[in-house]
Structure formats: structure tokens, C-alpha cells
Amino acid sequence: MALAILLGIVGGVGLALITDAMEDHIAGPQDLELGMSIKVLAMVPHALKGTRHDIATASLHQRFSELTEAFAGLRSMLDSSQYKDRSKVILVASSVPEEGKTITSCNLAIACAKNGQRVLLIDFDLRRPRLVGIFPMPPEGRGLLDYLSSPDADVSPTELAYATECPNLSVIAAAR
């Protein structure tokens, strides 16, 4: 009986260690830095409460929130001499819907604009455009989809950008 208990414990611990070693997903920043040699620039907290609009504009309206501080830290890291030359154009992408691309891009754009940088935020999600819900487009405004669908029309790319309530931040929405 004692031998069976001992073998059960050793077998269970061994199985747990093997399962942990075979883990195929990223559990934290250390998995990226050690396993894949990728530098983590910032950790952004998961916002559980609030609408998409409120969370996406947190850097504009919530001065000292944890989310605002995280994006200010990321902006500072991108402004550092180590990354300054490589951070003129930033792409926020994901392979899965609802991972926070819009929230991340909006807050990072707001953080950069509040730092005095001129920022143009472009919504390239033509299937599910979200920026027009965050930064309302003027009634006469046209979107990127309007421009791409009729390139010979009388719309210049400069007419697509519209100013937001955040100084130094302009937006080109995918569609109305």
C-alpha cells in the first residue's frame, strides 16, 4: 500500500513536470524573453470594467490610472535612444479578434500625442472598423474604404484625416 502511494505521488509529479515542459503557449513575459529572445517593452494591465470607448481613451481622460501609466511607459521606451529610430511607424496586429488592438493603438497614439508628437492613427481593419466608434468622424468625413474603392474619385488622402479632441492626434477611419 505504501509503495502504491509513493508510486502515485512520484508518477503524478512526473506527469505534471512533463506536461509543464510540453506547454505550447505563452504564460508570461519571461517565456518571450527567455524562450524566444524577444524583449518585452511594457506590460499593459487587462481592463475589466468600462466600455470600449472609455478604455480606448483612458490615456486621454484618466490622468493617473494604471492603464495610462502603462502606455506612458511604453511611449517612453519607444522614445528612448535604443528604439527611437525604429519606432516612427508602429503596427498593432493580432491573429485573433478581441485581443485589444484598437485599445492598444488608441492609448499609445494618445500617449504619443500628449507628449507633443504629431500622430496619425489609421484604422486598417476593413471588416470590423472600430476607430469611428472611438473618435467620431465628422458628418462629411470619408473613410479609407471610400478612398480605396474609388481611387480615381476626387478624394485626396489628406482629406481622409480628421482631428480628434486630443491635440496632435489625427485619425483616418476605415469606414463610417
N, C-alpha and C. Protein backbone atom coordinates (compact mmCIF):
# COMPACT_ATOMS: atom_id res chain seq x y z
N MET A 1 0.83 -1.18 0.00
CA MET A 1 0.00 0.00 0.00
C MET A 1 0.88 1.26 0.00
N ALA A 2 1.92 1.27 0.83
CA ALA A 2 2.84 2.41 0.90
C ALA A 2 3.56 2.59 -0.43
N LEU A 3 3.95 1.47 -1.05
CA LEU A 3 4.62 1.54 -2.35
C LEU A 3 3.68 2.11 -3.41
N ALA A 4 2.41 1.74 -3.39
CA ALA A 4 1.44 2.26 -4.34
C ALA A 4 1.23 3.76 -4.16
N ILE A 5 1.18 4.23 -2.92
CA ILE A 5 1.04 5.67 -2.64
C ILE A 5 2.26 6.41 -3.14
N LEU A 6 3.45 5.88 -2.86
CA LEU A 6 4.71 6.51 -3.28
C LEU A 6 4.78 6.58 -4.81
N LEU A 7 4.45 5.48 -5.49
CA LEU A 7 4.46 5.48 -6.95
C LEU A 7 3.42 6.44 -7.51
N GLY A 8 2.27 6.55 -6.87
CA GLY A 8 1.24 7.51 -7.30
C GLY A 8 1.72 8.94 -7.20
N ILE A 9 2.39 9.27 -6.10
CA ILE A 9 2.90 10.64 -5.90
C ILE A 9 4.00 10.93 -6.91
N VAL A 10 4.98 10.03 -7.05
CA VAL A 10 6.09 10.23 -7.99
C VAL A 10 5.55 10.31 -9.42
N GLY A 11 4.63 9.42 -9.77
CA GLY A 11 4.04 9.44 -11.11
C GLY A 11 3.28 10.72 -11.37
N GLY A 12 2.51 11.21 -10.41
CA GLY A 12 1.76 12.45 -10.57
C GLY A 12 2.65 13.65 -10.74
N VAL A 13 3.70 13.74 -9.91
CA VAL A 13 4.65 14.85 -10.02
C VAL A 13 5.39 14.78 -11.35
N GLY A 14 5.79 13.58 -11.75
CA GLY A 14 6.49 13.41 -13.04
C GLY A 14 5.61 13.82 -14.20
N LEU A 15 4.35 13.41 -14.17
CA LEU A 15 3.42 13.78 -15.23
C LEU A 15 3.19 15.29 -15.27
N ALA A 16 3.10 15.93 -14.11
CA ALA A 16 2.93 17.39 -14.05
C ALA A 16 4.14 18.09 -14.64
N LEU A 17 5.35 17.63 -14.34
CA LEU A 17 6.57 18.24 -14.88
C LEU A 17 6.66 18.06 -16.40
N ILE A 18 6.30 16.88 -16.89
CA ILE A 18 6.34 16.64 -18.33
C ILE A 18 5.31 17.52 -19.04
N THR A 19 4.12 17.63 -18.49
CA THR A 19 3.08 18.48 -19.07
C THR A 19 3.51 19.93 -19.10
N ASP A 20 4.15 20.41 -18.04
CA ASP A 20 4.64 21.79 -17.98
C ASP A 20 5.72 22.02 -19.02
N ALA A 21 6.60 21.06 -19.23
CA ALA A 21 7.68 21.20 -20.20
C ALA A 21 7.15 21.21 -21.63
N MET A 22 6.04 20.56 -21.87
CA MET A 22 5.46 20.48 -23.21
C MET A 22 4.48 21.62 -23.49
N GLU A 23 4.34 22.54 -22.58
CA GLU A 23 3.40 23.64 -22.72
C GLU A 23 3.70 24.43 -24.00
N ASP A 24 2.68 24.69 -24.81
CA ASP A 24 2.90 25.35 -26.09
C ASP A 24 2.27 26.74 -26.18
N HIS A 25 2.02 27.37 -25.08
CA HIS A 25 1.50 28.73 -25.12
C HIS A 25 2.36 29.63 -24.23
N ILE A 26 2.20 30.91 -24.42
CA ILE A 26 2.99 31.89 -23.68
C ILE A 26 2.24 32.21 -22.40
N ALA A 27 2.90 31.95 -21.27
CA ALA A 27 2.26 32.17 -19.98
C ALA A 27 2.63 33.51 -19.36
N GLY A 28 3.69 34.13 -19.81
CA GLY A 28 4.12 35.40 -19.26
C GLY A 28 5.28 35.98 -20.05
N PRO A 29 5.72 37.16 -19.67
CA PRO A 29 6.79 37.82 -20.42
C PRO A 29 8.12 37.04 -20.39
N GLN A 30 8.34 36.28 -19.33
CA GLN A 30 9.57 35.51 -19.25
C GLN A 30 9.64 34.46 -20.36
N ASP A 31 8.51 33.93 -20.81
CA ASP A 31 8.51 32.97 -21.91
C ASP A 31 9.01 33.62 -23.20
N LEU A 32 8.65 34.87 -23.42
CA LEU A 32 9.12 35.58 -24.61
C LEU A 32 10.60 35.91 -24.52
N GLU A 33 11.01 36.43 -23.37
CA GLU A 33 12.39 36.88 -23.23
C GLU A 33 13.38 35.73 -23.20
N LEU A 34 13.05 34.65 -22.52
CA LEU A 34 13.98 33.52 -22.42
C LEU A 34 13.84 32.56 -23.59
N GLY A 35 12.64 32.14 -23.88
CA GLY A 35 12.43 31.13 -24.90
C GLY A 35 12.56 31.62 -26.32
N MET A 36 12.14 32.85 -26.58
CA MET A 36 12.11 33.34 -27.95
C MET A 36 13.06 34.51 -28.19
N SER A 37 13.76 34.96 -27.18
CA SER A 37 14.71 36.08 -27.28
C SER A 37 14.03 37.35 -27.79
N ILE A 38 12.83 37.61 -27.30
CA ILE A 38 12.09 38.83 -27.66
C ILE A 38 12.05 39.72 -26.43
N LYS A 39 12.36 41.01 -26.60
CA LYS A 39 12.36 41.95 -25.49
C LYS A 39 10.94 42.47 -25.25
N VAL A 40 10.49 42.37 -24.01
CA VAL A 40 9.19 42.91 -23.62
C VAL A 40 9.39 44.37 -23.24
N LEU A 41 8.72 45.27 -23.93
CA LEU A 41 8.89 46.70 -23.68
C LEU A 41 7.96 47.21 -22.59
N ALA A 42 6.78 46.63 -22.46
CA ALA A 42 5.84 47.09 -21.45
C ALA A 42 4.82 46.00 -21.16
N MET A 43 4.29 46.05 -19.97
CA MET A 43 3.19 45.17 -19.58
C MET A 43 1.96 46.05 -19.40
N VAL A 44 0.92 45.78 -20.17
CA VAL A 44 -0.31 46.57 -20.10
C VAL A 44 -1.33 45.77 -19.31
N PRO A 45 -1.90 46.36 -18.28
CA PRO A 45 -2.88 45.62 -17.47
C PRO A 45 -4.16 45.35 -18.26
N HIS A 46 -4.82 44.30 -17.90
CA HIS A 46 -6.10 43.95 -18.53
C HIS A 46 -7.21 44.76 -17.87
N ALA A 47 -7.91 45.54 -18.68
CA ALA A 47 -9.00 46.37 -18.17
C ALA A 47 -10.29 45.57 -18.22
N LEU A 48 -10.88 45.34 -17.06
CA LEU A 48 -12.08 44.51 -16.97
C LEU A 48 -13.37 45.30 -17.02
N LYS A 49 -13.33 46.56 -16.59
CA LYS A 49 -14.55 47.35 -16.49
C LYS A 49 -14.50 48.52 -17.47
N GLY A 50 -15.67 48.85 -18.00
CA GLY A 50 -15.79 50.01 -18.87
C GLY A 50 -16.11 49.62 -20.29
N THR A 51 -16.57 50.60 -21.04
CA THR A 51 -16.89 50.38 -22.45
C THR A 51 -15.61 50.44 -23.27
N ARG A 52 -15.68 49.97 -24.51
CA ARG A 52 -14.51 50.03 -25.39
C ARG A 52 -14.04 51.49 -25.54
N HIS A 53 -14.98 52.42 -25.68
CA HIS A 53 -14.63 53.83 -25.83
C HIS A 53 -13.88 54.34 -24.60
N ASP A 54 -14.39 54.03 -23.41
CA ASP A 54 -13.75 54.51 -22.17
C ASP A 54 -12.35 53.94 -21.99
N ILE A 55 -12.19 52.67 -22.30
CA ILE A 55 -10.87 52.04 -22.14
C ILE A 55 -9.91 52.54 -23.22
N ALA A 56 -10.40 52.72 -24.45
CA ALA A 56 -9.54 53.17 -25.54
C ALA A 56 -9.08 54.61 -25.37
N THR A 57 -9.84 55.41 -24.63
CA THR A 57 -9.45 56.81 -24.40
C THR A 57 -9.00 57.04 -22.97
N ALA A 58 -8.63 55.99 -22.27
CA ALA A 58 -8.19 56.13 -20.87
C ALA A 58 -6.98 57.05 -20.76
N SER A 59 -6.07 56.99 -21.71
CA SER A 59 -4.88 57.84 -21.66
C SER A 59 -5.22 59.31 -21.84
N LEU A 60 -6.38 59.60 -22.38
CA LEU A 60 -6.81 60.98 -22.58
C LEU A 60 -7.59 61.50 -21.39
N HIS A 61 -8.45 60.66 -20.81
CA HIS A 61 -9.37 61.12 -19.77
C HIS A 61 -8.98 60.74 -18.35
N GLN A 62 -8.21 59.69 -18.16
CA GLN A 62 -7.84 59.24 -16.81
C GLN A 62 -6.35 59.51 -16.62
N ARG A 63 -6.05 60.55 -15.92
CA ARG A 63 -4.68 61.04 -15.85
C ARG A 63 -3.71 60.10 -15.13
N PHE A 64 -4.11 59.49 -14.04
CA PHE A 64 -3.19 58.69 -13.25
C PHE A 64 -3.62 57.23 -13.12
N SER A 65 -4.35 56.72 -14.08
CA SER A 65 -4.78 55.32 -13.99
C SER A 65 -3.61 54.39 -14.32
N GLU A 66 -3.77 53.15 -13.92
CA GLU A 66 -2.75 52.13 -14.19
C GLU A 66 -2.55 51.94 -15.69
N LEU A 67 -3.63 51.99 -16.44
CA LEU A 67 -3.57 51.84 -17.89
C LEU A 67 -2.83 53.01 -18.54
N THR A 68 -3.14 54.21 -18.10
CA THR A 68 -2.47 55.40 -18.62
C THR A 68 -0.97 55.35 -18.35
N GLU A 69 -0.60 54.96 -17.15
CA GLU A 69 0.82 54.87 -16.80
C GLU A 69 1.54 53.80 -17.62
N ALA A 70 0.86 52.69 -17.91
CA ALA A 70 1.48 51.63 -18.71
C ALA A 70 1.78 52.13 -20.13
N PHE A 71 0.85 52.85 -20.73
CA PHE A 71 1.08 53.35 -22.08
C PHE A 71 2.07 54.51 -22.09
N ALA A 72 2.11 55.30 -21.05
CA ALA A 72 3.14 56.34 -20.95
C ALA A 72 4.52 55.70 -20.84
N GLY A 73 4.61 54.61 -20.11
CA GLY A 73 5.88 53.88 -20.00
C GLY A 73 6.31 53.29 -21.33
N LEU A 74 5.36 52.73 -22.07
CA LEU A 74 5.67 52.19 -23.40
C LEU A 74 6.11 53.30 -24.33
N ARG A 75 5.42 54.43 -24.29
CA ARG A 75 5.82 55.57 -25.12
C ARG A 75 7.23 56.03 -24.78
N SER A 76 7.55 56.08 -23.50
CA SER A 76 8.89 56.48 -23.08
C SER A 76 9.94 55.50 -23.58
N MET A 77 9.61 54.22 -23.53
CA MET A 77 10.55 53.21 -24.02
C MET A 77 10.76 53.37 -25.52
N LEU A 78 9.70 53.62 -26.27
CA LEU A 78 9.83 53.80 -27.71
C LEU A 78 10.57 55.09 -28.06
N ASP A 79 10.49 56.09 -27.18
CA ASP A 79 11.21 57.35 -27.40
C ASP A 79 12.68 57.27 -27.00
N SER A 80 13.08 56.22 -26.32
CA SER A 80 14.46 56.09 -25.87
C SER A 80 15.39 55.96 -27.07
N SER A 81 16.65 56.27 -26.87
CA SER A 81 17.62 56.23 -27.96
C SER A 81 17.76 54.84 -28.56
N GLN A 82 17.49 53.82 -27.79
CA GLN A 82 17.60 52.44 -28.27
C GLN A 82 16.55 52.11 -29.33
N TYR A 83 15.34 52.69 -29.23
CA TYR A 83 14.24 52.35 -30.13
C TYR A 83 13.77 53.50 -31.01
N LYS A 84 14.26 54.71 -30.79
CA LYS A 84 13.76 55.90 -31.48
C LYS A 84 13.79 55.75 -33.01
N ASP A 85 14.87 55.20 -33.54
CA ASP A 85 15.00 55.08 -34.99
C ASP A 85 14.05 54.04 -35.58
N ARG A 86 13.60 53.09 -34.77
CA ARG A 86 12.75 52.01 -35.26
C ARG A 86 11.28 52.19 -34.91
N SER A 87 10.92 53.30 -34.30
CA SER A 87 9.54 53.45 -33.85
C SER A 87 8.81 54.65 -34.48
N LYS A 88 9.16 54.97 -35.70
CA LYS A 88 8.44 56.05 -36.40
C LYS A 88 7.07 55.57 -36.86
N VAL A 89 6.99 54.32 -37.28
CA VAL A 89 5.74 53.70 -37.70
C VAL A 89 5.54 52.46 -36.84
N ILE A 90 4.38 52.35 -36.22
CA ILE A 90 4.10 51.22 -35.33
C ILE A 90 2.85 50.51 -35.84
N LEU A 91 2.95 49.20 -35.97
CA LEU A 91 1.82 48.38 -36.38
C LEU A 91 1.36 47.57 -35.19
N VAL A 92 0.08 47.66 -34.87
CA VAL A 92 -0.50 46.86 -33.80
C VAL A 92 -1.35 45.80 -34.50
N ALA A 93 -0.96 44.54 -34.35
CA ALA A 93 -1.64 43.45 -35.05
C ALA A 93 -1.85 42.27 -34.12
N SER A 94 -2.75 41.40 -34.53
CA SER A 94 -3.05 40.20 -33.78
C SER A 94 -3.68 39.19 -34.73
N SER A 95 -3.53 37.92 -34.42
CA SER A 95 -4.13 36.89 -35.26
C SER A 95 -5.54 36.52 -34.79
N VAL A 96 -5.95 37.05 -33.66
CA VAL A 96 -7.23 36.68 -33.07
C VAL A 96 -8.05 37.95 -32.80
N PRO A 97 -9.36 37.92 -33.09
CA PRO A 97 -10.20 39.09 -32.78
C PRO A 97 -10.32 39.31 -31.26
N GLU A 98 -10.64 40.53 -30.89
CA GLU A 98 -10.93 40.89 -29.50
C GLU A 98 -9.72 40.76 -28.56
N GLU A 99 -8.51 40.99 -29.07
CA GLU A 99 -7.33 40.93 -28.21
C GLU A 99 -6.87 42.31 -27.74
N GLY A 100 -7.51 43.37 -28.20
CA GLY A 100 -7.18 44.70 -27.72
C GLY A 100 -6.34 45.55 -28.66
N LYS A 101 -6.40 45.27 -29.94
CA LYS A 101 -5.62 46.05 -30.91
C LYS A 101 -6.07 47.50 -30.94
N THR A 102 -7.39 47.72 -30.97
CA THR A 102 -7.92 49.08 -31.01
C THR A 102 -7.59 49.83 -29.73
N ILE A 103 -7.78 49.20 -28.61
CA ILE A 103 -7.49 49.84 -27.32
C ILE A 103 -6.00 50.17 -27.21
N THR A 104 -5.15 49.24 -27.61
CA THR A 104 -3.70 49.46 -27.55
C THR A 104 -3.29 50.59 -28.48
N SER A 105 -3.75 50.56 -29.73
CA SER A 105 -3.33 51.58 -30.68
C SER A 105 -3.86 52.96 -30.29
N CYS A 106 -5.08 53.04 -29.80
CA CYS A 106 -5.64 54.34 -29.38
C CYS A 106 -4.88 54.92 -28.20
N ASN A 107 -4.65 54.12 -27.18
CA ASN A 107 -3.96 54.63 -25.99
C ASN A 107 -2.51 54.99 -26.29
N LEU A 108 -1.83 54.19 -27.12
CA LEU A 108 -0.45 54.52 -27.47
C LEU A 108 -0.40 55.80 -28.31
N ALA A 109 -1.35 55.95 -29.24
CA ALA A 109 -1.41 57.17 -30.05
C ALA A 109 -1.68 58.40 -29.17
N ILE A 110 -2.58 58.27 -28.22
CA ILE A 110 -2.90 59.38 -27.31
C ILE A 110 -1.68 59.72 -26.46
N ALA A 111 -0.99 58.70 -25.95
CA ALA A 111 0.20 58.94 -25.12
C ALA A 111 1.27 59.67 -25.91
N CYS A 112 1.47 59.29 -27.17
CA CYS A 112 2.47 59.97 -28.01
C CYS A 112 2.03 61.39 -28.33
N ALA A 113 0.75 61.58 -28.63
CA ALA A 113 0.24 62.92 -28.95
C ALA A 113 0.34 63.85 -27.74
N LYS A 114 0.03 63.33 -26.55
CA LYS A 114 0.13 64.16 -25.35
C LYS A 114 1.58 64.53 -25.04
N ASN A 115 2.52 63.78 -25.58
CA ASN A 115 3.94 64.07 -25.40
C ASN A 115 4.44 65.11 -26.40
N GLY A 116 3.56 65.57 -27.29
CA GLY A 116 3.94 66.61 -28.24
C GLY A 116 4.26 66.09 -29.64
N GLN A 117 4.17 64.80 -29.85
CA GLN A 117 4.43 64.24 -31.16
C GLN A 117 3.17 64.33 -32.01
N ARG A 118 3.34 64.61 -33.29
CA ARG A 118 2.20 64.58 -34.21
C ARG A 118 1.95 63.13 -34.58
N VAL A 119 0.71 62.69 -34.40
CA VAL A 119 0.37 61.28 -34.58
C VAL A 119 -0.79 61.15 -35.57
N LEU A 120 -0.65 60.20 -36.49
CA LEU A 120 -1.73 59.84 -37.40
C LEU A 120 -2.07 58.38 -37.12
N LEU A 121 -3.27 58.15 -36.65
CA LEU A 121 -3.75 56.81 -36.33
C LEU A 121 -4.66 56.35 -37.47
N ILE A 122 -4.29 55.23 -38.11
CA ILE A 122 -5.03 54.74 -39.27
C ILE A 122 -5.66 53.40 -38.93
N ASP A 123 -6.95 53.30 -39.18
CA ASP A 123 -7.69 52.06 -38.95
C ASP A 123 -7.70 51.27 -40.26
N PHE A 124 -6.92 50.18 -40.30
CA PHE A 124 -6.88 49.34 -41.49
C PHE A 124 -7.78 48.13 -41.40
N ASP A 125 -8.57 48.02 -40.35
CA ASP A 125 -9.47 46.88 -40.20
C ASP A 125 -10.72 47.17 -41.03
N LEU A 126 -10.72 46.69 -42.27
CA LEU A 126 -11.82 46.99 -43.19
C LEU A 126 -13.05 46.14 -42.93
N ARG A 127 -12.88 45.01 -42.24
CA ARG A 127 -14.03 44.15 -41.94
C ARG A 127 -14.78 44.63 -40.70
N ARG A 128 -14.06 45.01 -39.66
CA ARG A 128 -14.68 45.48 -38.42
C ARG A 128 -14.05 46.80 -37.98
N PRO A 129 -14.35 47.90 -38.68
CA PRO A 129 -13.75 49.18 -38.30
C PRO A 129 -14.22 49.63 -36.92
N ARG A 130 -13.30 50.01 -36.07
CA ARG A 130 -13.65 50.37 -34.70
C ARG A 130 -13.32 51.83 -34.34
N LEU A 131 -12.37 52.44 -35.05
CA LEU A 131 -11.93 53.79 -34.66
C LEU A 131 -13.04 54.82 -34.76
N VAL A 132 -13.96 54.65 -35.70
CA VAL A 132 -15.04 55.63 -35.85
C VAL A 132 -15.95 55.62 -34.62
N GLY A 133 -15.98 54.53 -33.88
CA GLY A 133 -16.74 54.48 -32.64
C GLY A 133 -16.00 55.11 -31.47
N ILE A 134 -14.68 55.21 -31.59
CA ILE A 134 -13.85 55.80 -30.53
C ILE A 134 -13.69 57.31 -30.78
N PHE A 135 -13.32 57.65 -31.99
CA PHE A 135 -13.13 59.05 -32.39
C PHE A 135 -14.15 59.35 -33.49
N PRO A 136 -15.28 59.96 -33.14
CA PRO A 136 -16.35 60.17 -34.13
C PRO A 136 -15.89 60.96 -35.34
N MET A 137 -16.29 60.48 -36.50
CA MET A 137 -15.93 61.11 -37.76
C MET A 137 -16.89 62.26 -38.04
N PRO A 138 -16.41 63.35 -38.61
CA PRO A 138 -17.30 64.44 -38.99
C PRO A 138 -18.34 63.95 -40.01
N PRO A 139 -19.52 64.55 -40.04
CA PRO A 139 -20.60 64.09 -40.93
C PRO A 139 -20.18 64.04 -42.41
N GLU A 140 -19.35 64.97 -42.81
CA GLU A 140 -18.92 65.00 -44.22
C GLU A 140 -17.66 64.16 -44.45
N GLY A 141 -17.16 63.52 -43.40
CA GLY A 141 -15.92 62.75 -43.50
C GLY A 141 -16.03 61.50 -44.33
N ARG A 142 -14.91 61.14 -44.93
CA ARG A 142 -14.83 59.92 -45.71
C ARG A 142 -13.79 59.00 -45.07
N GLY A 143 -13.96 57.72 -45.29
CA GLY A 143 -13.06 56.75 -44.70
C GLY A 143 -12.08 56.19 -45.71
N LEU A 144 -11.17 55.38 -45.20
CA LEU A 144 -10.15 54.74 -46.03
C LEU A 144 -10.80 53.84 -47.08
N LEU A 145 -11.87 53.18 -46.73
CA LEU A 145 -12.58 52.30 -47.66
C LEU A 145 -13.15 53.10 -48.83
N ASP A 146 -13.64 54.31 -48.56
CA ASP A 146 -14.14 55.18 -49.64
C ASP A 146 -13.02 55.50 -50.63
N TYR A 147 -11.85 55.79 -50.09
CA TYR A 147 -10.71 56.14 -50.93
C TYR A 147 -10.22 54.94 -51.74
N LEU A 148 -10.14 53.77 -51.09
CA LEU A 148 -9.63 52.59 -51.77
C LEU A 148 -10.61 52.05 -52.81
N SER A 149 -11.90 52.21 -52.58
CA SER A 149 -12.88 51.69 -53.52
C SER A 149 -13.01 52.53 -54.78
N SER A 150 -12.64 53.79 -54.72
CA SER A 150 -12.70 54.64 -55.91
C SER A 150 -11.48 55.56 -55.94
N PRO A 151 -10.30 55.03 -56.30
CA PRO A 151 -9.09 55.84 -56.28
C PRO A 151 -9.10 56.97 -57.30
N ASP A 152 -9.93 56.88 -58.32
CA ASP A 152 -9.99 57.95 -59.31
C ASP A 152 -10.95 59.07 -58.91
N ALA A 153 -11.61 58.91 -57.76
CA ALA A 153 -12.56 59.94 -57.30
C ALA A 153 -11.80 61.17 -56.83
N ASP A 154 -12.54 62.19 -56.52
CA ASP A 154 -11.94 63.46 -56.13
C ASP A 154 -11.62 63.54 -54.63
N VAL A 155 -11.12 62.46 -54.06
CA VAL A 155 -10.75 62.43 -52.65
C VAL A 155 -9.24 62.31 -52.55
N SER A 156 -8.63 63.26 -51.90
CA SER A 156 -7.18 63.15 -51.69
C SER A 156 -6.93 62.51 -50.33
N PRO A 157 -5.79 61.82 -50.17
CA PRO A 157 -5.51 61.17 -48.89
C PRO A 157 -5.50 62.14 -47.71
N THR A 158 -5.15 63.39 -47.95
CA THR A 158 -5.12 64.37 -46.86
C THR A 158 -6.53 64.71 -46.37
N GLU A 159 -7.54 64.53 -47.21
CA GLU A 159 -8.92 64.80 -46.82
C GLU A 159 -9.48 63.71 -45.90
N LEU A 160 -8.82 62.57 -45.84
CA LEU A 160 -9.32 61.46 -45.04
C LEU A 160 -9.04 61.66 -43.55
N ALA A 161 -7.97 62.35 -43.23
CA ALA A 161 -7.59 62.54 -41.82
C ALA A 161 -8.44 63.62 -41.19
N TYR A 162 -8.89 63.36 -39.97
CA TYR A 162 -9.64 64.37 -39.24
C TYR A 162 -9.10 64.47 -37.82
N ALA A 163 -9.18 65.67 -37.28
CA ALA A 163 -8.64 65.95 -35.94
C ALA A 163 -9.55 65.34 -34.87
N THR A 164 -8.94 65.01 -33.74
CA THR A 164 -9.70 64.47 -32.61
C THR A 164 -9.67 65.48 -31.47
N GLU A 165 -10.31 65.13 -30.37
CA GLU A 165 -10.30 66.02 -29.20
C GLU A 165 -8.93 66.08 -28.55
N CYS A 166 -8.04 65.15 -28.89
CA CYS A 166 -6.69 65.14 -28.35
C CYS A 166 -5.79 65.95 -29.29
N PRO A 167 -5.15 67.01 -28.79
CA PRO A 167 -4.26 67.79 -29.64
C PRO A 167 -3.15 66.90 -30.21
N ASN A 168 -2.74 67.16 -31.44
CA ASN A 168 -1.67 66.45 -32.14
C ASN A 168 -2.07 65.05 -32.63
N LEU A 169 -3.33 64.66 -32.46
CA LEU A 169 -3.76 63.34 -32.90
C LEU A 169 -4.82 63.46 -33.99
N SER A 170 -4.50 62.91 -35.16
CA SER A 170 -5.46 62.84 -36.26
C SER A 170 -5.75 61.37 -36.55
N VAL A 171 -6.92 61.11 -37.12
CA VAL A 171 -7.35 59.74 -37.35
C VAL A 171 -7.84 59.60 -38.79
N ILE A 172 -7.51 58.46 -39.39
CA ILE A 172 -8.13 58.04 -40.64
C ILE A 172 -8.90 56.78 -40.31
N ALA A 173 -10.22 56.86 -40.38
CA ALA A 173 -11.07 55.71 -40.06
C ALA A 173 -11.19 54.83 -41.31
N ALA A 174 -11.42 53.55 -41.08
CA ALA A 174 -11.59 52.62 -42.20
C ALA A 174 -12.87 52.91 -42.95
N ALA A 175 -13.93 53.14 -42.22
CA ALA A 175 -15.23 53.41 -42.84
C ALA A 175 -16.10 54.17 -41.84
N ARG A 176 -17.19 54.75 -42.35
CA ARG A 176 -18.10 55.46 -41.46
C ARG A 176 -18.92 54.54 -40.64
